[in-house]
Amino acid sequence: MPPRKRRKPDVIEDSKVEILPPGAQLPVDWKPLLMTAAVGLAGGWVASFIVGGSGLLRYAITGIIGALAAEHVSEKLGWRISVGHPWLDKVLVAAIGAMAVVLLARWIACGLSPI
């Protein structure tokens, strides 16, 4: 019996693969994402003065997570923080959330022992 010939698999170029309907693009508004990152970075930086920590990436991660968590909690509880400027209000909420995130992470890392 002669050896089988291997058939090359059909390869489709990346530029021809479409996940969305033809011609449609995924609408992404970058402005809110960049504002959330900037507010989170500023909030994480402010929080680092109170609870400690360093590093731009750590500021950004704790700040963004803290901003999202604190915004959600403050909205559900009906709390408002007003210091005169909407951007500063968001940074303050992000800083409070970042402090909570850092303290919660430390508490979990220490084996859930009392602080």
Protein backbone atom coordinates (compact mmCIF):
# COMPACT_ATOMS: atom_id res chain seq x y z
CA MET A 1 0.00 0.00 0.00
CA PRO A 2 1.41 3.40 -0.92
CA PRO A 3 1.91 5.94 1.90
CA ARG A 4 -0.91 8.40 2.48
CA LYS A 5 -0.42 11.89 1.28
CA ARG A 6 -0.91 14.50 3.94
CA ARG A 7 -3.35 17.18 3.03
CA LYS A 8 -2.51 20.71 4.09
CA PRO A 9 -5.12 22.17 6.42
CA ASP A 10 -7.13 25.08 5.12
CA VAL A 11 -5.69 28.20 6.66
CA ILE A 12 -7.72 31.41 6.78
CA GLU A 13 -5.83 34.65 7.07
CA ASP A 14 -6.44 36.67 10.22
CA SER A 15 -7.64 39.64 8.24
CA LYS A 16 -10.46 37.55 6.76
CA VAL A 17 -11.76 36.17 10.07
CA GLU A 18 -14.75 38.09 11.40
CA ILE A 19 -16.40 37.49 14.75
CA LEU A 20 -18.91 40.28 14.43
CA PRO A 21 -21.31 40.67 11.51
CA PRO A 22 -19.56 41.72 8.28
CA GLY A 23 -18.40 45.31 8.39
CA ALA A 24 -19.39 45.85 12.04
CA GLN A 25 -16.85 46.98 14.60
CA LEU A 26 -16.89 46.62 18.34
CA PRO A 27 -17.79 50.04 19.72
CA VAL A 28 -15.31 50.94 22.43
CA ASP A 29 -15.38 54.33 24.07
CA TRP A 30 -11.88 54.77 25.44
CA LYS A 31 -12.53 57.98 27.35
CA PRO A 32 -14.33 56.37 30.34
CA LEU A 33 -11.74 53.59 30.49
CA LEU A 34 -8.87 56.06 30.53
CA MET A 35 -10.61 58.25 33.11
CA THR A 36 -11.19 55.22 35.35
CA ALA A 37 -7.52 54.28 35.03
CA ALA A 38 -6.39 57.84 35.81
CA VAL A 39 -8.72 58.15 38.80
CA GLY A 40 -7.67 54.69 40.03
CA LEU A 41 -4.00 55.55 39.70
CA ALA A 42 -4.47 58.80 41.61
CA GLY A 43 -6.59 57.07 44.27
CA GLY A 44 -4.03 54.29 44.69
CA TRP A 45 -1.25 56.84 45.01
CA VAL A 46 -3.17 58.77 47.70
CA ALA A 47 -3.99 55.53 49.54
CA SER A 48 -0.32 54.51 49.56
CA PHE A 49 0.47 57.46 51.83
CA ILE A 50 -1.92 56.10 54.46
CA VAL A 51 -1.59 52.31 54.24
CA GLY A 52 1.85 52.10 52.62
CA GLY A 53 2.95 50.46 49.42
CA SER A 54 4.79 51.51 46.31
CA GLY A 55 4.91 50.95 42.60
CA LEU A 56 2.96 52.45 39.75
CA LEU A 57 1.32 49.14 38.80
CA ARG A 58 0.27 48.49 42.40
CA TYR A 59 -1.19 51.99 42.66
CA ALA A 60 -3.17 51.46 39.47
CA ILE A 61 -4.47 47.99 40.36
CA THR A 62 -5.52 48.81 43.91
CA GLY A 63 -6.89 52.18 42.85
CA ILE A 64 -9.02 50.84 39.98
CA ILE A 65 -10.37 47.92 42.01
CA GLY A 66 -10.91 50.22 44.97
CA ALA A 67 -12.61 52.86 42.84
CA LEU A 68 -15.03 50.37 41.33
CA ALA A 69 -15.79 48.74 44.68
CA ALA A 70 -16.14 51.98 46.63
CA GLU A 71 -18.29 53.58 43.93
CA HIS A 72 -20.60 50.59 43.96
CA VAL A 73 -20.86 50.49 47.76
CA SER A 74 -21.34 54.25 48.12
CA GLU A 75 -24.04 54.18 45.43
CA LYS A 76 -25.90 51.33 47.12
CA LEU A 77 -25.71 52.98 50.54
CA GLY A 78 -26.54 56.43 49.18
CA TRP A 79 -23.34 58.06 50.45
CA ARG A 80 -22.03 61.15 48.69
CA ILE A 81 -18.57 62.66 49.05
CA SER A 82 -18.26 66.23 47.88
CA VAL A 83 -15.05 68.24 48.14
CA GLY A 84 -15.88 70.78 45.47
CA HIS A 85 -14.77 69.18 42.22
CA PRO A 86 -16.25 66.02 40.63
CA TRP A 87 -12.82 64.66 39.69
CA LEU A 88 -11.52 65.10 43.26
CA ASP A 89 -14.67 63.42 44.58
CA LYS A 90 -13.90 60.37 42.43
CA VAL A 91 -10.23 60.34 43.50
CA LEU A 92 -11.25 60.47 47.16
CA VAL A 93 -13.71 57.59 46.70
CA ALA A 94 -11.00 55.65 44.82
CA ALA A 95 -8.50 56.31 47.63
CA ILE A 96 -10.95 55.06 50.27
CA GLY A 97 -11.67 51.98 48.16
CA ALA A 98 -7.96 51.38 47.52
CA MET A 99 -7.24 51.54 51.25
CA ALA A 100 -10.00 48.98 51.84
CA VAL A 101 -8.61 46.74 49.10
CA VAL A 102 -5.05 46.91 50.47
CA LEU A 103 -6.17 46.26 54.05
CA LEU A 104 -8.40 43.37 52.92
CA ALA A 105 -5.54 41.85 50.91
CA ARG A 106 -3.19 42.13 53.89
CA TRP A 107 -5.81 40.58 56.15
CA ILE A 108 -6.26 37.64 53.77
CA ALA A 109 -2.48 37.25 53.33
CA CYS A 110 -2.00 37.04 57.10
CA GLY A 111 -4.32 34.08 57.36
CA LEU A 112 -7.49 36.01 58.26
CA SER A 113 -6.23 36.86 61.70
CA PRO A 114 -7.67 39.90 63.46
CA ILE A 115 -5.94 43.18 62.65
